[in-house]
Amino acid sequence: MTVVANVLIGLVALIHLYIVVLEMALWTTPRARAAFGTTEEFARESKTLAANQGLYNGFLALALIWGLIAADPAGFQLKLYGLACVIVAGLYGAATASRRILVVQVLPGALALVFLLAS
């Protein structure tokens, strides 16, 4: 169970690192605009806001990575905190931005949390 939990947590961290890159470095590119459903004009105008949002996604990934590296009980607590934040942020995003976030962010986070708690 622990190995599965850690693999899922690593996957969630990688998803968030990818989001960091999209929001902080690639926001105005066709790839990021397609991923987030934005226009070229909106992407240019919101570049700074997207970079700020990307930074927060980086903090989520960092908590999970740190949790994977740290010894318990701190490691467990960081993983629990990181996953809880991912799930809450994803639920808010799904309610306010796009329901697709439920699949991309909430579902992987919730699966990882279930396996973490079962391990």
PDB file of N, CA and C in Angstrom:
ATOM      1  N   MET A   1       0.815  -1.204   0.000  1.00  0.00           N
ATOM      2  CA  MET A   1       0.000   0.000   0.000  1.00  0.00           C
ATOM      3  C   MET A   1       0.856   1.264   0.000  1.00  0.00           C
ATOM      4  N   THR A   2       1.931   1.240   0.776  1.00  0.00           N
ATOM      5  CA  THR A   2       2.790   2.415   0.871  1.00  0.00           C
ATOM      6  C   THR A   2       3.422   2.741  -0.473  1.00  0.00           C
ATOM      7  N   VAL A   3       3.860   1.723  -1.187  1.00  0.00           N
ATOM      8  CA  VAL A   3       4.485   1.950  -2.497  1.00  0.00           C
ATOM      9  C   VAL A   3       3.473   2.546  -3.467  1.00  0.00           C
ATOM     10  N   VAL A   4       2.267   2.013  -3.498  1.00  0.00           N
ATOM     11  CA  VAL A   4       1.225   2.537  -4.378  1.00  0.00           C
ATOM     12  C   VAL A   4       0.900   3.982  -4.000  1.00  0.00           C
ATOM     13  N   ALA A   5       0.773   4.258  -2.711  1.00  0.00           N
ATOM     14  CA  ALA A   5       0.502   5.624  -2.248  1.00  0.00           C
ATOM     15  C   ALA A   5       1.597   6.568  -2.708  1.00  0.00           C
ATOM     16  N   ASN A   6       2.844   6.169  -2.538  1.00  0.00           N
ATOM     17  CA  ASN A   6       3.960   7.040  -2.916  1.00  0.00           C
ATOM     18  C   ASN A   6       4.043   7.252  -4.426  1.00  0.00           C
ATOM     19  N   VAL A   7       3.733   6.219  -5.195  1.00  0.00           N
ATOM     20  CA  VAL A   7       3.715   6.377  -6.655  1.00  0.00           C
ATOM     21  C   VAL A   7       2.614   7.358  -7.059  1.00  0.00           C
ATOM     22  N   LEU A   8       1.431   7.217  -6.469  1.00  0.00           N
ATOM     23  CA  LEU A   8       0.334   8.137  -6.772  1.00  0.00           C
ATOM     24  C   LEU A   8       0.657   9.561  -6.329  1.00  0.00           C
ATOM     25  N   ILE A   9       1.278   9.708  -5.180  1.00  0.00           N
ATOM     26  CA  ILE A   9       1.677  11.037  -4.697  1.00  0.00           C
ATOM     27  C   ILE A   9       2.705  11.640  -5.640  1.00  0.00           C
ATOM     28  N   GLY A  10       3.645  10.831  -6.093  1.00  0.00           N
ATOM     29  CA  GLY A  10       4.627  11.309  -7.069  1.00  0.00           C
ATOM     30  C   GLY A  10       3.958  11.750  -8.363  1.00  0.00           C
ATOM     31  N   LEU A  11       2.941  11.009  -8.793  1.00  0.00           N
ATOM     32  CA  LEU A  11       2.193  11.381  -9.995  1.00  0.00           C
ATOM     33  C   LEU A  11       1.480  12.722  -9.801  1.00  0.00           C
ATOM     34  N   VAL A  12       0.856  12.904  -8.658  1.00  0.00           N
ATOM     35  CA  VAL A  12       0.179  14.174  -8.362  1.00  0.00           C
ATOM     36  C   VAL A  12       1.196  15.316  -8.354  1.00  0.00           C
ATOM     37  N   ALA A  13       2.360  15.084  -7.772  1.00  0.00           N
ATOM     38  CA  ALA A  13       3.414  16.113  -7.767  1.00  0.00           C
ATOM     39  C   ALA A  13       3.840  16.441  -9.199  1.00  0.00           C
ATOM     40  N   LEU A  14       4.011  15.436 -10.034  1.00  0.00           N
ATOM     41  CA  LEU A  14       4.401  15.661 -11.435  1.00  0.00           C
ATOM     42  C   LEU A  14       3.333  16.433 -12.196  1.00  0.00           C
ATOM     43  N   ILE A  15       2.068  16.121 -11.950  1.00  0.00           N
ATOM     44  CA  ILE A  15       0.977  16.872 -12.582  1.00  0.00           C
ATOM     45  C   ILE A  15       1.102  18.350 -12.225  1.00  0.00           C
ATOM     46  N   HIS A  16       1.371  18.623 -10.953  1.00  0.00           N
ATOM     47  CA  HIS A  16       1.461  20.015 -10.529  1.00  0.00           C
ATOM     48  C   HIS A  16       2.723  20.694 -11.034  1.00  0.00           C
ATOM     49  N   LEU A  17       3.797  19.959 -11.177  1.00  0.00           N
ATOM     50  CA  LEU A  17       4.995  20.553 -11.783  1.00  0.00           C
ATOM     51  C   LEU A  17       4.726  20.911 -13.248  1.00  0.00           C
ATOM     52  N   TYR A  18       3.981  20.060 -13.937  1.00  0.00           N
ATOM     53  CA  TYR A  18       3.596  20.361 -15.320  1.00  0.00           C
ATOM     54  C   TYR A  18       2.713  21.615 -15.373  1.00  0.00           C
ATOM     55  N   ILE A  19       1.798  21.734 -14.443  1.00  0.00           N
ATOM     56  CA  ILE A  19       0.953  22.929 -14.389  1.00  0.00           C
ATOM     57  C   ILE A  19       1.796  24.165 -14.115  1.00  0.00           C
ATOM     58  N   VAL A  20       2.800  24.038 -13.256  1.00  0.00           N
ATOM     59  CA  VAL A  20       3.718  25.160 -12.987  1.00  0.00           C
ATOM     60  C   VAL A  20       4.354  25.625 -14.294  1.00  0.00           C
ATOM     61  N   VAL A  21       4.859  24.689 -15.063  1.00  0.00           N
ATOM     62  CA  VAL A  21       5.514  25.042 -16.334  1.00  0.00           C
ATOM     63  C   VAL A  21       4.515  25.711 -17.278  1.00  0.00           C
ATOM     64  N   LEU A  22       3.328  25.146 -17.390  1.00  0.00           N
ATOM     65  CA  LEU A  22       2.312  25.738 -18.261  1.00  0.00           C
ATOM     66  C   LEU A  22       1.969  27.166 -17.828  1.00  0.00           C
ATOM     67  N   GLU A  23       1.773  27.359 -16.533  1.00  0.00           N
ATOM     68  CA  GLU A  23       1.313  28.666 -16.052  1.00  0.00           C
ATOM     69  C   GLU A  23       2.429  29.700 -15.939  1.00  0.00           C
ATOM     70  N   MET A  24       3.627  29.259 -15.641  1.00  0.00           N
ATOM     71  CA  MET A  24       4.707  30.229 -15.422  1.00  0.00           C
ATOM     72  C   MET A  24       5.566  30.478 -16.666  1.00  0.00           C
ATOM     73  N   ALA A  25       5.747  29.468 -17.497  1.00  0.00           N
ATOM     74  CA  ALA A  25       6.668  29.625 -18.627  1.00  0.00           C
ATOM     75  C   ALA A  25       5.979  29.565 -19.989  1.00  0.00           C
ATOM     76  N   LEU A  26       4.900  28.833 -20.098  1.00  0.00           N
ATOM     77  CA  LEU A  26       4.286  28.590 -21.400  1.00  0.00           C
ATOM     78  C   LEU A  26       2.899  29.197 -21.558  1.00  0.00           C
ATOM     79  N   TRP A  27       2.499  30.058 -20.651  1.00  0.00           N
ATOM     80  CA  TRP A  27       1.130  30.547 -20.596  1.00  0.00           C
ATOM     81  C   TRP A  27       0.612  31.099 -21.924  1.00  0.00           C
ATOM     82  N   THR A  28       1.439  31.794 -22.672  1.00  0.00           N
ATOM     83  CA  THR A  28       0.976  32.422 -23.914  1.00  0.00           C
ATOM     84  C   THR A  28       1.159  31.527 -25.141  1.00  0.00           C
ATOM     85  N   THR A  29       1.667  30.325 -24.966  1.00  0.00           N
ATOM     86  CA  THR A  29       1.889  29.426 -26.100  1.00  0.00           C
ATOM     87  C   THR A  29       0.584  28.724 -26.491  1.00  0.00           C
ATOM     88  N   PRO A  30       0.521  28.239 -27.721  1.00  0.00           N
ATOM     89  CA  PRO A  30      -0.679  27.506 -28.145  1.00  0.00           C
ATOM     90  C   PRO A  30      -0.991  26.300 -27.248  1.00  0.00           C
ATOM     91  N   ARG A  31       0.026  25.603 -26.758  1.00  0.00           N
ATOM     92  CA  ARG A  31      -0.193  24.426 -25.896  1.00  0.00           C
ATOM     93  C   ARG A  31      -0.922  24.812 -24.610  1.00  0.00           C
ATOM     94  N   ALA A  32      -0.444  25.842 -23.940  1.00  0.00           N
ATOM     95  CA  ALA A  32      -1.068  26.275 -22.685  1.00  0.00           C
ATOM     96  C   ALA A  32      -2.448  26.871 -22.955  1.00  0.00           C
ATOM     97  N   ARG A  33      -2.569  27.650 -24.029  1.00  0.00           N
ATOM     98  CA  ARG A  33      -3.887  28.220 -24.341  1.00  0.00           C
ATOM     99  C   ARG A  33      -4.902  27.118 -24.616  1.00  0.00           C
ATOM    100  N   ALA A  34      -4.487  26.051 -25.278  1.00  0.00           N
ATOM    101  CA  ALA A  34      -5.390  24.932 -25.533  1.00  0.00           C
ATOM    102  C   ALA A  34      -5.740  24.209 -24.230  1.00  0.00           C
ATOM    103  N   ALA A  35      -4.755  24.027 -23.365  1.00  0.00           N
ATOM    104  CA  ALA A  35      -4.979  23.318 -22.097  1.00  0.00           C
ATOM    105  C   ALA A  35      -5.962  24.079 -21.207  1.00  0.00           C
ATOM    106  N   PHE A  36      -5.880  25.405 -21.221  1.00  0.00           N
ATOM    107  CA  PHE A  36      -6.712  26.203 -20.330  1.00  0.00           C
ATOM    108  C   PHE A  36      -7.881  26.881 -21.048  1.00  0.00           C
ATOM    109  N   GLY A  37      -7.986  26.684 -22.363  1.00  0.00           N
ATOM    110  CA  GLY A  37      -9.103  27.248 -23.114  1.00  0.00           C
ATOM    111  C   GLY A  37      -9.106  28.759 -23.164  1.00  0.00           C
ATOM    112  N   THR A  38      -7.925  29.359 -23.342  1.00  0.00           N
ATOM    113  CA  THR A  38      -7.834  30.816 -23.369  1.00  0.00           C
ATOM    114  C   THR A  38      -7.496  31.305 -24.775  1.00  0.00           C
ATOM    115  N   THR A  39      -7.784  32.569 -25.008  1.00  0.00           N
ATOM    116  CA  THR A  39      -7.414  33.201 -26.270  1.00  0.00           C
ATOM    117  C   THR A  39      -6.014  33.788 -26.139  1.00  0.00           C
ATOM    118  N   GLU A  40      -5.437  34.117 -27.280  1.00  0.00           N
ATOM    119  CA  GLU A  40      -4.106  34.726 -27.271  1.00  0.00           C
ATOM    120  C   GLU A  40      -4.125  36.064 -26.513  1.00  0.00           C
ATOM    121  N   GLU A  41      -5.157  36.848 -26.738  1.00  0.00           N
ATOM    122  CA  GLU A  41      -5.277  38.141 -26.063  1.00  0.00           C
ATOM    123  C   GLU A  41      -5.412  37.967 -24.542  1.00  0.00           C
ATOM    124  N   PHE A  42      -6.286  37.067 -24.126  1.00  0.00           N
ATOM    125  CA  PHE A  42      -6.453  36.830 -22.694  1.00  0.00           C
ATOM    126  C   PHE A  42      -5.151  36.336 -22.074  1.00  0.00           C
ATOM    127  N   ALA A  43      -4.463  35.442 -22.761  1.00  0.00           N
ATOM    128  CA  ALA A  43      -3.203  34.906 -22.236  1.00  0.00           C
ATOM    129  C   ALA A  43      -2.183  36.021 -22.039  1.00  0.00           C
ATOM    130  N   ARG A  44      -2.084  36.917 -23.014  1.00  0.00           N
ATOM    131  CA  ARG A  44      -1.145  38.045 -22.866  1.00  0.00           C
ATOM    132  C   ARG A  44      -1.525  38.920 -21.672  1.00  0.00           C
ATOM    133  N   GLU A  45      -2.804  39.214 -21.542  1.00  0.00           N
ATOM    134  CA  GLU A  45      -3.272  40.108 -20.481  1.00  0.00           C
ATOM    135  C   GLU A  45      -3.177  39.480 -19.090  1.00  0.00           C
ATOM    136  N   SER A  46      -3.258  38.172 -19.002  1.00  0.00           N
ATOM    137  CA  SER A  46      -3.284  37.503 -17.696  1.00  0.00           C
ATOM    138  C   SER A  46      -1.980  36.778 -17.362  1.00  0.00           C
ATOM    139  N   LYS A  47      -0.937  37.047 -18.099  1.00  0.00           N
ATOM    140  CA  LYS A  47       0.327  36.320 -17.930  1.00  0.00           C
ATOM    141  C   LYS A  47       0.858  36.418 -16.493  1.00  0.00           C
ATOM    142  N   THR A  48       0.818  37.591 -15.906  1.00  0.00           N
ATOM    143  CA  THR A  48       1.317  37.775 -14.547  1.00  0.00           C
ATOM    144  C   THR A  48       0.456  37.020 -13.536  1.00  0.00           C
ATOM    145  N   LEU A  49      -0.843  37.072 -13.703  1.00  0.00           N
ATOM    146  CA  LEU A  49      -1.735  36.338 -12.799  1.00  0.00           C
ATOM    147  C   LEU A  49      -1.515  34.836 -12.919  1.00  0.00           C
ATOM    148  N   ALA A  50      -1.323  34.357 -14.136  1.00  0.00           N
ATOM    149  CA  ALA A  50      -1.091  32.925 -14.341  1.00  0.00           C
ATOM    150  C   ALA A  50       0.221  32.491 -13.696  1.00  0.00           C
ATOM    151  N   ALA A  51       1.250  33.332 -13.808  1.00  0.00           N
ATOM    152  CA  ALA A  51       2.535  32.999 -13.182  1.00  0.00           C
ATOM    153  C   ALA A  51       2.388  32.913 -11.665  1.00  0.00           C
ATOM    154  N   ASN A  52       1.605  33.802 -11.082  1.00  0.00           N
ATOM    155  CA  ASN A  52       1.355  33.756  -9.642  1.00  0.00           C
ATOM    156  C   ASN A  52       0.629  32.472  -9.264  1.00  0.00           C
ATOM    157  N   GLN A  53      -0.356  32.097 -10.056  1.00  0.00           N
ATOM    158  CA  GLN A  53      -1.090  30.851  -9.812  1.00  0.00           C
ATOM    159  C   GLN A  53      -0.157  29.653  -9.963  1.00  0.00           C
ATOM    160  N   GLY A  54       0.729  29.712 -10.940  1.00  0.00           N
ATOM    161  CA  GLY A  54       1.705  28.646 -11.133  1.00  0.00           C
ATOM    162  C   GLY A  54       2.609  28.475  -9.931  1.00  0.00           C
ATOM    163  N   LEU A  55       2.982  29.581  -9.322  1.00  0.00           N
ATOM    164  CA  LEU A  55       3.831  29.528  -8.128  1.00  0.00           C
ATOM    165  C   LEU A  55       3.137  28.748  -7.012  1.00  0.00           C
ATOM    166  N   TYR A  56       1.846  28.975  -6.838  1.00  0.00           N
ATOM    167  CA  TYR A  56       1.101  28.246  -5.816  1.00  0.00           C
ATOM    168  C   TYR A  56       1.033  26.752  -6.135  1.00  0.00           C
ATOM    169  N   ASN A  57       0.882  26.409  -7.404  1.00  0.00           N
ATOM    170  CA  ASN A  57       0.916  24.997  -7.783  1.00  0.00           C
ATOM    171  C   ASN A  57       2.284  24.399  -7.492  1.00  0.00           C
ATOM    172  N   GLY A  58       3.320  25.211  -7.626  1.00  0.00           N
ATOM    173  CA  GLY A  58       4.666  24.762  -7.265  1.00  0.00           C
ATOM    174  C   GLY A  58       4.778  24.454  -5.784  1.00  0.00           C
ATOM    175  N   PHE A  59       4.138  25.253  -4.962  1.00  0.00           N
ATOM    176  CA  PHE A  59       4.150  24.995  -3.516  1.00  0.00           C
ATOM    177  C   PHE A  59       3.462  23.672  -3.190  1.00  0.00           C
ATOM    178  N   LEU A  60       2.374  23.369  -3.897  1.00  0.00           N
ATOM    179  CA  LEU A  60       1.689  22.092  -3.688  1.00  0.00           C
ATOM    180  C   LEU A  60       2.611  20.930  -4.060  1.00  0.00           C
ATOM    181  N   ALA A  61       3.256  21.046  -5.212  1.00  0.00           N
ATOM    182  CA  ALA A  61       4.184  19.990  -5.640  1.00  0.00           C
ATOM    183  C   ALA A  61       5.331  19.844  -4.651  1.00  0.00           C
ATOM    184  N   LEU A  62       5.849  20.955  -4.165  1.00  0.00           N
ATOM    185  CA  LEU A  62       6.964  20.915  -3.213  1.00  0.00           C
ATOM    186  C   LEU A  62       6.576  20.196  -1.924  1.00  0.00           C
ATOM    187  N   ALA A  63       5.394  20.457  -1.413  1.00  0.00           N
ATOM    188  CA  ALA A  63       4.945  19.782  -0.188  1.00  0.00           C
ATOM    189  C   ALA A  63       4.897  18.273  -0.406  1.00  0.00           C
ATOM    190  N   LEU A  64       4.414  17.853  -1.562  1.00  0.00           N
ATOM    191  CA  LEU A  64       4.321  16.418  -1.845  1.00  0.00           C
ATOM    192  C   LEU A  64       5.701  15.789  -2.026  1.00  0.00           C
ATOM    193  N   ILE A  65       6.571  16.464  -2.749  1.00  0.00           N
ATOM    194  CA  ILE A  65       7.931  15.943  -2.957  1.00  0.00           C
ATOM    195  C   ILE A  65       8.681  15.881  -1.641  1.00  0.00           C
ATOM    196  N   TRP A  66       8.563  16.917  -0.849  1.00  0.00           N
ATOM    197  CA  TRP A  66       9.208  16.948   0.460  1.00  0.00           C
ATOM    198  C   TRP A  66       8.676  15.802   1.329  1.00  0.00           C
ATOM    199  N   GLY A  67       7.364  15.583   1.244  1.00  0.00           N
ATOM    200  CA  GLY A  67       6.756  14.488   2.000  1.00  0.00           C
ATOM    201  C   GLY A  67       7.288  13.129   1.577  1.00  0.00           C
ATOM    202  N   LEU A  68       7.563  12.972   0.295  1.00  0.00           N
ATOM    203  CA  LEU A  68       8.119  11.710  -0.194  1.00  0.00           C
ATOM    204  C   LEU A  68       9.556  11.494   0.282  1.00  0.00           C
ATOM    205  N   ILE A  69      10.269  12.574   0.481  1.00  0.00           N
ATOM    206  CA  ILE A  69      11.683  12.493   0.881  1.00  0.00           C
ATOM    207  C   ILE A  69      11.851  12.420   2.395  1.00  0.00           C
ATOM    208  N   ALA A  70      11.022  13.145   3.116  1.00  0.00           N
ATOM    209  CA  ALA A  70      11.164  13.254   4.568  1.00  0.00           C
ATOM    210  C   ALA A  70      10.785  11.953   5.271  1.00  0.00           C
ATOM    211  N   ALA A  71      11.431  11.726   6.398  1.00  0.00           N
ATOM    212  CA  ALA A  71      11.098  10.567   7.233  1.00  0.00           C
ATOM    213  C   ALA A  71       9.779  10.833   7.969  1.00  0.00           C
ATOM    214  N   ASP A  72       9.078   9.762   8.296  1.00  0.00           N
ATOM    215  CA  ASP A  72       7.849   9.888   9.092  1.00  0.00           C
ATOM    216  C   ASP A  72       8.201  10.247  10.519  1.00  0.00           C
ATOM    217  N   PRO A  73       7.400  10.978  11.235  1.00  0.00           N
ATOM    218  CA  PRO A  73       6.036  11.354  10.896  1.00  0.00           C
ATOM    219  C   PRO A  73       5.926  12.602  10.022  1.00  0.00           C
ATOM    220  N   ALA A  74       7.000  13.372   9.878  1.00  0.00           N
ATOM    221  CA  ALA A  74       6.928  14.599   9.081  1.00  0.00           C
ATOM    222  C   ALA A  74       6.561  14.301   7.628  1.00  0.00           C
ATOM    223  N   GLY A  75       7.126  13.235   7.065  1.00  0.00           N
ATOM    224  CA  GLY A  75       6.824  12.889   5.681  1.00  0.00           C
ATOM    225  C   GLY A  75       5.351  12.607   5.478  1.00  0.00           C
ATOM    226  N   PHE A  76       4.770  11.828   6.368  1.00  0.00           N
ATOM    227  CA  PHE A  76       3.343  11.521   6.291  1.00  0.00           C
ATOM    228  C   PHE A  76       2.521  12.802   6.401  1.00  0.00           C
ATOM    229  N   GLN A  77       2.884  13.666   7.332  1.00  0.00           N
ATOM    230  CA  GLN A  77       2.129  14.900   7.534  1.00  0.00           C
ATOM    231  C   GLN A  77       2.205  15.813   6.316  1.00  0.00           C
ATOM    232  N   LEU A  78       3.379  15.908   5.703  1.00  0.00           N
ATOM    233  CA  LEU A  78       3.518  16.739   4.501  1.00  0.00           C
ATOM    234  C   LEU A  78       2.699  16.173   3.342  1.00  0.00           C
ATOM    235  N   LYS A  79       2.726  14.857   3.175  1.00  0.00           N
ATOM    236  CA  LYS A  79       1.933  14.236   2.116  1.00  0.00           C
ATOM    237  C   LYS A  79       0.441  14.469   2.365  1.00  0.00           C
ATOM    238  N   LEU A  80       0.014  14.296   3.595  1.00  0.00           N
ATOM    239  CA  LEU A  80      -1.388  14.518   3.947  1.00  0.00           C
ATOM    240  C   LEU A  80      -1.792  15.962   3.691  1.00  0.00           C
ATOM    241  N   TYR A  81      -0.972  16.891   4.143  1.00  0.00           N
ATOM    242  CA  TYR A  81      -1.237  18.322   3.935  1.00  0.00           C
ATOM    243  C   TYR A  81      -1.278  18.658   2.441  1.00  0.00           C
ATOM    244  N   GLY A  82      -0.272  18.191   1.701  1.00  0.00           N
ATOM    245  CA  GLY A  82      -0.200  18.486   0.276  1.00  0.00           C
ATOM    246  C   GLY A  82      -1.402  17.958  -0.476  1.00  0.00           C
ATOM    247  N   LEU A  83      -1.783  16.721  -0.200  1.00  0.00           N
ATOM    248  CA  LEU A  83      -2.941  16.136  -0.880  1.00  0.00           C
ATOM    249  C   LEU A  83      -4.236  16.848  -0.505  1.00  0.00           C
ATOM    250  N   ALA A  84      -4.383  17.188   0.761  1.00  0.00           N
ATOM    251  CA  ALA A  84      -5.590  17.929   1.183  1.00  0.00           C
ATOM    252  C   ALA A  84      -5.673  19.267   0.443  1.00  0.00           C
ATOM    253  N   CYS A  85      -4.548  19.954   0.324  1.00  0.00           N
ATOM    254  CA  CYS A  85      -4.529  21.236  -0.395  1.00  0.00           C
ATOM    255  C   CYS A  85      -4.848  21.048  -1.874  1.00  0.00           C
ATOM    256  N   VAL A  86      -4.289  20.021  -2.490  1.00  0.00           N
ATOM    257  CA  VAL A  86      -4.558  19.724  -3.895  1.00  0.00           C
ATOM    258  C   VAL A  86      -6.052  19.479  -4.103  1.00  0.00           C
ATOM    259  N   ILE A  87      -6.648  18.694  -3.238  1.00  0.00           N
ATOM    260  CA  ILE A  87      -8.063  18.356  -3.374  1.00  0.00           C
ATOM    261  C   ILE A  87      -8.940  19.589  -3.171  1.00  0.00           C
ATOM    262  N   VAL A  88      -8.669  20.365  -2.137  1.00  0.00           N
ATOM    263  CA  VAL A  88      -9.475  21.571  -1.885  1.00  0.00           C
ATOM    264  C   VAL A  88      -9.326  22.567  -3.033  1.00  0.00           C
ATOM    265  N   ALA A  89      -8.083  22.789  -3.484  1.00  0.00           N
ATOM    266  CA  ALA A  89      -7.862  23.706  -4.609  1.00  0.00           C
ATOM    267  C   ALA A  89      -8.564  23.198  -5.863  1.00  0.00           C
ATOM    268  N   GLY A  90      -8.509  21.886  -6.077  1.00  0.00           N
ATOM    269  CA  GLY A  90      -9.171  21.313  -7.237  1.00  0.00           C
ATOM    270  C   GLY A  90     -10.684  21.441  -7.175  1.00  0.00           C
ATOM    271  N   LEU A  91     -11.262  21.225  -6.013  1.00  0.00           N
ATOM    272  CA  LEU A  91     -12.712  21.391  -5.856  1.00  0.00           C
ATOM    273  C   LEU A  91     -13.128  22.836  -6.116  1.00  0.00           C
ATOM    274  N   TYR A  92     -12.339  23.761  -5.606  1.00  0.00           N
ATOM    275  CA  TYR A  92     -12.641  25.183  -5.846  1.00  0.00           C
ATOM    276  C   TYR A  92     -12.504  25.502  -7.333  1.00  0.00           C
ATOM    277  N   GLY A  93     -11.437  25.008  -7.946  1.00  0.00           N
ATOM    278  CA  GLY A  93     -11.240  25.236  -9.371  1.00  0.00           C
ATOM    279  C   GLY A  93     -12.354  24.630 -10.211  1.00  0.00           C
ATOM    280  N   ALA A  94     -12.803  23.450  -9.837  1.00  0.00           N
ATOM    281  CA  ALA A  94     -13.889  22.804 -10.568  1.00  0.00           C
ATOM    282  C   ALA A  94     -15.193  23.592 -10.423  1.00  0.00           C
ATOM    283  N   ALA A  95     -15.410  24.169  -9.262  1.00  0.00           N
ATOM    284  CA  ALA A  95     -16.632  24.934  -9.023  1.00  0.00           C
ATOM    285  C   ALA A  95     -16.600  26.299  -9.705  1.00  0.00           C
ATOM    286  N   THR A  96     -15.397  26.868  -9.875  1.00  0.00           N
ATOM    287  CA  THR A  96     -15.306  28.240 -10.386  1.00  0.00           C
ATOM    288  C   THR A  96     -14.729  28.366 -11.781  1.00  0.00           C
ATOM    289  N   ALA A  97     -13.960  27.382 -12.235  1.00  0.00           N
ATOM    290  CA  ALA A  97     -13.286  27.524 -13.524  1.00  0.00           C
ATOM    291  C   ALA A  97     -13.689  26.451 -14.532  1.00  0.00           C
ATOM    292  N   SER A  98     -13.448  25.188 -14.206  1.00  0.00           N
ATOM    293  CA  SER A  98     -13.720  24.111 -15.156  1.00  0.00           C
ATOM    294  C   SER A  98     -13.929  22.790 -14.423  1.00  0.00           C
ATOM    295  N   ARG A  99     -14.985  22.103 -14.782  1.00  0.00           N
ATOM    296  CA  ARG A  99     -15.264  20.804 -14.152  1.00  0.00           C
ATOM    297  C   ARG A  99     -14.198  19.769 -14.510  1.00  0.00           C
ATOM    298  N   ARG A 100     -13.459  20.014 -15.571  1.00  0.00           N
ATOM    299  CA  ARG A 100     -12.375  19.120 -15.993  1.00  0.00           C
ATOM    300  C   ARG A 100     -11.332  18.962 -14.890  1.00  0.00           C
ATOM    301  N   ILE A 101     -11.220  19.944 -14.036  1.00  0.00           N
ATOM    302  CA  ILE A 101     -10.257  19.906 -12.927  1.00  0.00           C
ATOM    303  C   ILE A 101     -10.560  18.744 -11.983  1.00  0.00           C
ATOM    304  N   LEU A 102     -11.819  18.326 -11.933  1.00  0.00           N
ATOM    305  CA  LEU A 102     -12.170  17.170 -11.094  1.00  0.00           C
ATOM    306  C   LEU A 102     -11.390  15.930 -11.514  1.00  0.00           C
ATOM    307  N   VAL A 103     -11.223  15.755 -12.810  1.00  0.00           N
ATOM    308  CA  VAL A 103     -10.519  14.580 -13.325  1.00  0.00           C
ATOM    309  C   VAL A 103      -9.002  14.779 -13.281  1.00  0.00           C
ATOM    310  N   VAL A 104      -8.552  15.950 -13.634  1.00  0.00           N
ATOM    311  CA  VAL A 104      -7.113  16.213 -13.743  1.00  0.00           C
ATOM    312  C   VAL A 104      -6.444  16.356 -12.376  1.00  0.00           C
ATOM    313  N   GLN A 105      -7.126  16.958 -11.423  1.00  0.00           N
ATOM    314  CA  GLN A 105      -6.503  17.272 -10.138  1.00  0.00           C
ATOM    315  C   GLN A 105      -7.141  16.542  -8.959  1.00  0.00           C
ATOM    316  N   VAL A 106      -8.444  16.608  -8.840  1.00  0.00           N
ATOM    317  CA  VAL A 106      -9.109  16.061  -7.653  1.00  0.00           C
ATOM    318  C   VAL A 106      -9.039  14.535  -7.621  1.00  0.00           C
ATOM    319  N   LEU A 107      -9.357  13.888  -8.723  1.00  0.00           N
ATOM    320  CA  LEU A 107      -9.367  12.421  -8.743  1.00  0.00           C
ATOM    321  C   LEU A 107      -7.994  11.821  -8.405  1.00  0.00           C
ATOM    322  N   PRO A 108      -6.901  12.265  -9.055  1.00  0.00           N
ATOM    323  CA  PRO A 108      -5.593  11.713  -8.665  1.00  0.00           C
ATOM    324  C   PRO A 108      -5.238  12.018  -7.208  1.00  0.00           C
ATOM    325  N   GLY A 109      -5.559  13.213  -6.750  1.00  0.00           N
ATOM    326  CA  GLY A 109      -5.281  13.577  -5.361  1.00  0.00           C
ATOM    327  C   GLY A 109      -6.072  12.735  -4.377  1.00  0.00           C
ATOM    328  N   ALA A 110      -7.339  12.505  -4.691  1.00  0.00           N
ATOM    329  CA  ALA A 110      -8.187  11.702  -3.801  1.00  0.00           C
ATOM    330  C   ALA A 110      -7.738  10.239  -3.775  1.00  0.00           C
ATOM    331  N   LEU A 111      -7.371   9.696  -4.930  1.00  0.00           N
ATOM    332  CA  LEU A 111      -6.856   8.319  -4.963  1.00  0.00           C
ATOM    333  C   LEU A 111      -5.580   8.190  -4.141  1.00  0.00           C
ATOM    334  N   ALA A 112      -4.685   9.150  -4.311  1.00  0.00           N
ATOM    335  CA  ALA A 112      -3.440   9.130  -3.535  1.00  0.00           C
ATOM    336  C   ALA A 112      -3.732   9.233  -2.045  1.00  0.00           C
ATOM    337  N   LEU A 113      -4.700  10.068  -1.676  1.00  0.00           N
ATOM    338  CA  LEU A 113      -5.060  10.220  -0.263  1.00  0.00           C
ATOM    339  C   LEU A 113      -5.623   8.927   0.303  1.00  0.00           C
ATOM    340  N   VAL A 114      -6.471   8.263  -0.436  1.00  0.00           N
ATOM    341  CA  VAL A 114      -7.040   6.986   0.027  1.00  0.00           C
ATOM    342  C   VAL A 114      -5.924   5.986   0.280  1.00  0.00           C
ATOM    343  N   PHE A 115      -4.998   5.862  -0.658  1.00  0.00           N
ATOM    344  CA  PHE A 115      -3.895   4.902  -0.472  1.00  0.00           C
ATOM    345  C   PHE A 115      -2.948   5.335   0.636  1.00  0.00           C
ATOM    346  N   LEU A 116      -2.735   6.638   0.788  1.00  0.00           N
ATOM    347  CA  LEU A 116      -1.879   7.123   1.895  1.00  0.00           C
ATOM    348  C   LEU A 116      -2.504   6.749   3.235  1.00  0.00           C
ATOM    349  N   LEU A 117      -3.790   6.985   3.390  1.00  0.00           N
ATOM    350  CA  LEU A 117      -4.448   6.699   4.657  1.00  0.00           C
ATOM    351  C   LEU A 117      -4.545   5.195   4.916  1.00  0.00           C
ATOM    352  N   ALA A 118      -4.601   4.400   3.848  1.00  0.00           N
ATOM    353  CA  ALA A 118      -4.686   2.953   4.009  1.00  0.00           C
ATOM    354  C   ALA A 118      -3.305   2.320   4.280  1.00  0.00           C
ATOM    355  N   SER A 119      -2.247   3.066   3.986  1.00  0.00           N
ATOM    356  CA  SER A 119      -0.901   2.486   4.142  1.00  0.00           C
ATOM    357  C   SER A 119      -0.411   2.519   5.574  1.00  0.00           C
TER     358      SER A 119
END
